[in-house]
């Protein structure tokens, strides 16, 4: 649901969870997604400019 754009209160309401619990689930599992990590690395490299040397080849 978070990937689809639902807010934490919306997810909590649908799942019947407390807002804090829904947030903790999102905080735990969203960063573990490979595509999220790749997007974060791309944003970081773009922000630092051309002086950044990639640490490892990108796997996609």
C-alpha atoms as a PDB file:
ATOM      1  CA  UNK A   1       0.000   0.000   0.000  1.00  0.00           C
ATOM      2  CA  UNK A   2       2.857   2.378   0.791  1.00  0.00           C
ATOM      3  CA  UNK A   3       4.354   1.719  -2.620  1.00  0.00           C
ATOM      4  CA  UNK A   4       1.018   2.644  -4.159  1.00  0.00           C
ATOM      5  CA  UNK A   5       1.079   5.986  -2.339  1.00  0.00           C
ATOM      6  CA  UNK A   6      -1.176   5.301   0.644  1.00  0.00           C
ATOM      7  CA  UNK A   7      -0.377   7.327   3.748  1.00  0.00           C
ATOM      8  CA  UNK A   8       0.468   5.738   7.089  1.00  0.00           C
ATOM      9  CA  UNK A   9      -2.933   6.653   8.600  1.00  0.00           C
ATOM     10  CA  UNK A  10      -4.673   5.146   5.551  1.00  0.00           C
ATOM     11  CA  UNK A  11      -2.655   1.938   5.831  1.00  0.00           C
ATOM     12  CA  UNK A  12      -3.362   1.727   9.556  1.00  0.00           C
ATOM     13  CA  UNK A  13      -7.082   2.197   8.967  1.00  0.00           C
ATOM     14  CA  UNK A  14      -7.248  -0.477   6.269  1.00  0.00           C
ATOM     15  CA  UNK A  15      -5.133  -2.981   8.214  1.00  0.00           C
ATOM     16  CA  UNK A  16      -6.729  -2.265  11.589  1.00  0.00           C
ATOM     17  CA  UNK A  17      -3.338  -1.355  13.111  1.00  0.00           C
ATOM     18  CA  UNK A  18      -2.266   1.527  15.302  1.00  0.00           C
ATOM     19  CA  UNK A  19      -0.513   4.299  13.353  1.00  0.00           C
ATOM     20  CA  UNK A  20       2.779   3.729  15.199  1.00  0.00           C
ATOM     21  CA  UNK A  21       2.728   0.032  14.337  1.00  0.00           C
ATOM     22  CA  UNK A  22       1.985   0.734  10.673  1.00  0.00           C
ATOM     23  CA  UNK A  23       4.863   3.239  10.596  1.00  0.00           C
ATOM     24  CA  UNK A  24       7.230   0.723  12.180  1.00  0.00           C
ATOM     25  CA  UNK A  25       6.338  -1.892   9.548  1.00  0.00           C
ATOM     26  CA  UNK A  26       6.966   0.628   6.760  1.00  0.00           C
ATOM     27  CA  UNK A  27      10.237   1.762   8.368  1.00  0.00           C
ATOM     28  CA  UNK A  28      11.388  -1.854   8.623  1.00  0.00           C
ATOM     29  CA  UNK A  29      10.503  -3.179   5.185  1.00  0.00           C
ATOM     30  CA  UNK A  30      10.578  -0.261   2.738  1.00  0.00           C
ATOM     31  CA  UNK A  31      14.356   0.323   2.959  1.00  0.00           C
ATOM     32  CA  UNK A  32      15.006  -3.369   2.287  1.00  0.00           C
ATOM     33  CA  UNK A  33      13.699  -3.162  -1.244  1.00  0.00           C
ATOM     34  CA  UNK A  34      16.470  -3.441  -3.803  1.00  0.00           C
ATOM     35  CA  UNK A  35      14.921  -0.825  -6.099  1.00  0.00           C
ATOM     36  CA  UNK A  36      14.698   1.638  -3.190  1.00  0.00           C
ATOM     37  CA  UNK A  37      18.373   1.134  -2.440  1.00  0.00           C
ATOM     38  CA  UNK A  38      19.299   1.604  -6.106  1.00  0.00           C
ATOM     39  CA  UNK A  39      17.262   4.817  -6.308  1.00  0.00           C
ATOM     40  CA  UNK A  40      18.946   6.125  -3.162  1.00  0.00           C
ATOM     41  CA  UNK A  41      22.412   5.409  -4.571  1.00  0.00           C
ATOM     42  CA  UNK A  42      21.507   7.098  -7.873  1.00  0.00           C
ATOM     43  CA  UNK A  43      20.255  10.187  -6.019  1.00  0.00           C
ATOM     44  CA  UNK A  44      23.369  10.295  -3.846  1.00  0.00           C
ATOM     45  CA  UNK A  45      25.720   9.967  -6.817  1.00  0.00           C
ATOM     46  CA  UNK A  46      23.790  12.627  -8.762  1.00  0.00           C
ATOM     47  CA  UNK A  47      23.948  15.032  -5.798  1.00  0.00           C
ATOM     48  CA  UNK A  48      27.709  14.642  -5.394  1.00  0.00           C
ATOM     49  CA  UNK A  49      28.459  15.194  -9.060  1.00  0.00           C
ATOM     50  CA  UNK A  50      30.992  13.640 -11.405  1.00  0.00           C
ATOM     51  CA  UNK A  51      33.749  13.228  -8.794  1.00  0.00           C
ATOM     52  CA  UNK A  52      32.018  10.177  -7.309  1.00  0.00           C
ATOM     53  CA  UNK A  53      33.476   6.811  -8.237  1.00  0.00           C
ATOM     54  CA  UNK A  54      30.833   4.059  -8.104  1.00  0.00           C
ATOM     55  CA  UNK A  55      31.679   1.452  -5.487  1.00  0.00           C
ATOM     56  CA  UNK A  56      30.325  -1.490  -7.434  1.00  0.00           C
ATOM     57  CA  UNK A  57      28.747  -2.103 -10.831  1.00  0.00           C
ATOM     58  CA  UNK A  58      24.999  -1.608 -10.873  1.00  0.00           C
ATOM     59  CA  UNK A  59      22.908  -4.746 -10.972  1.00  0.00           C
ATOM     60  CA  UNK A  60      19.508  -4.345 -12.525  1.00  0.00           C
END
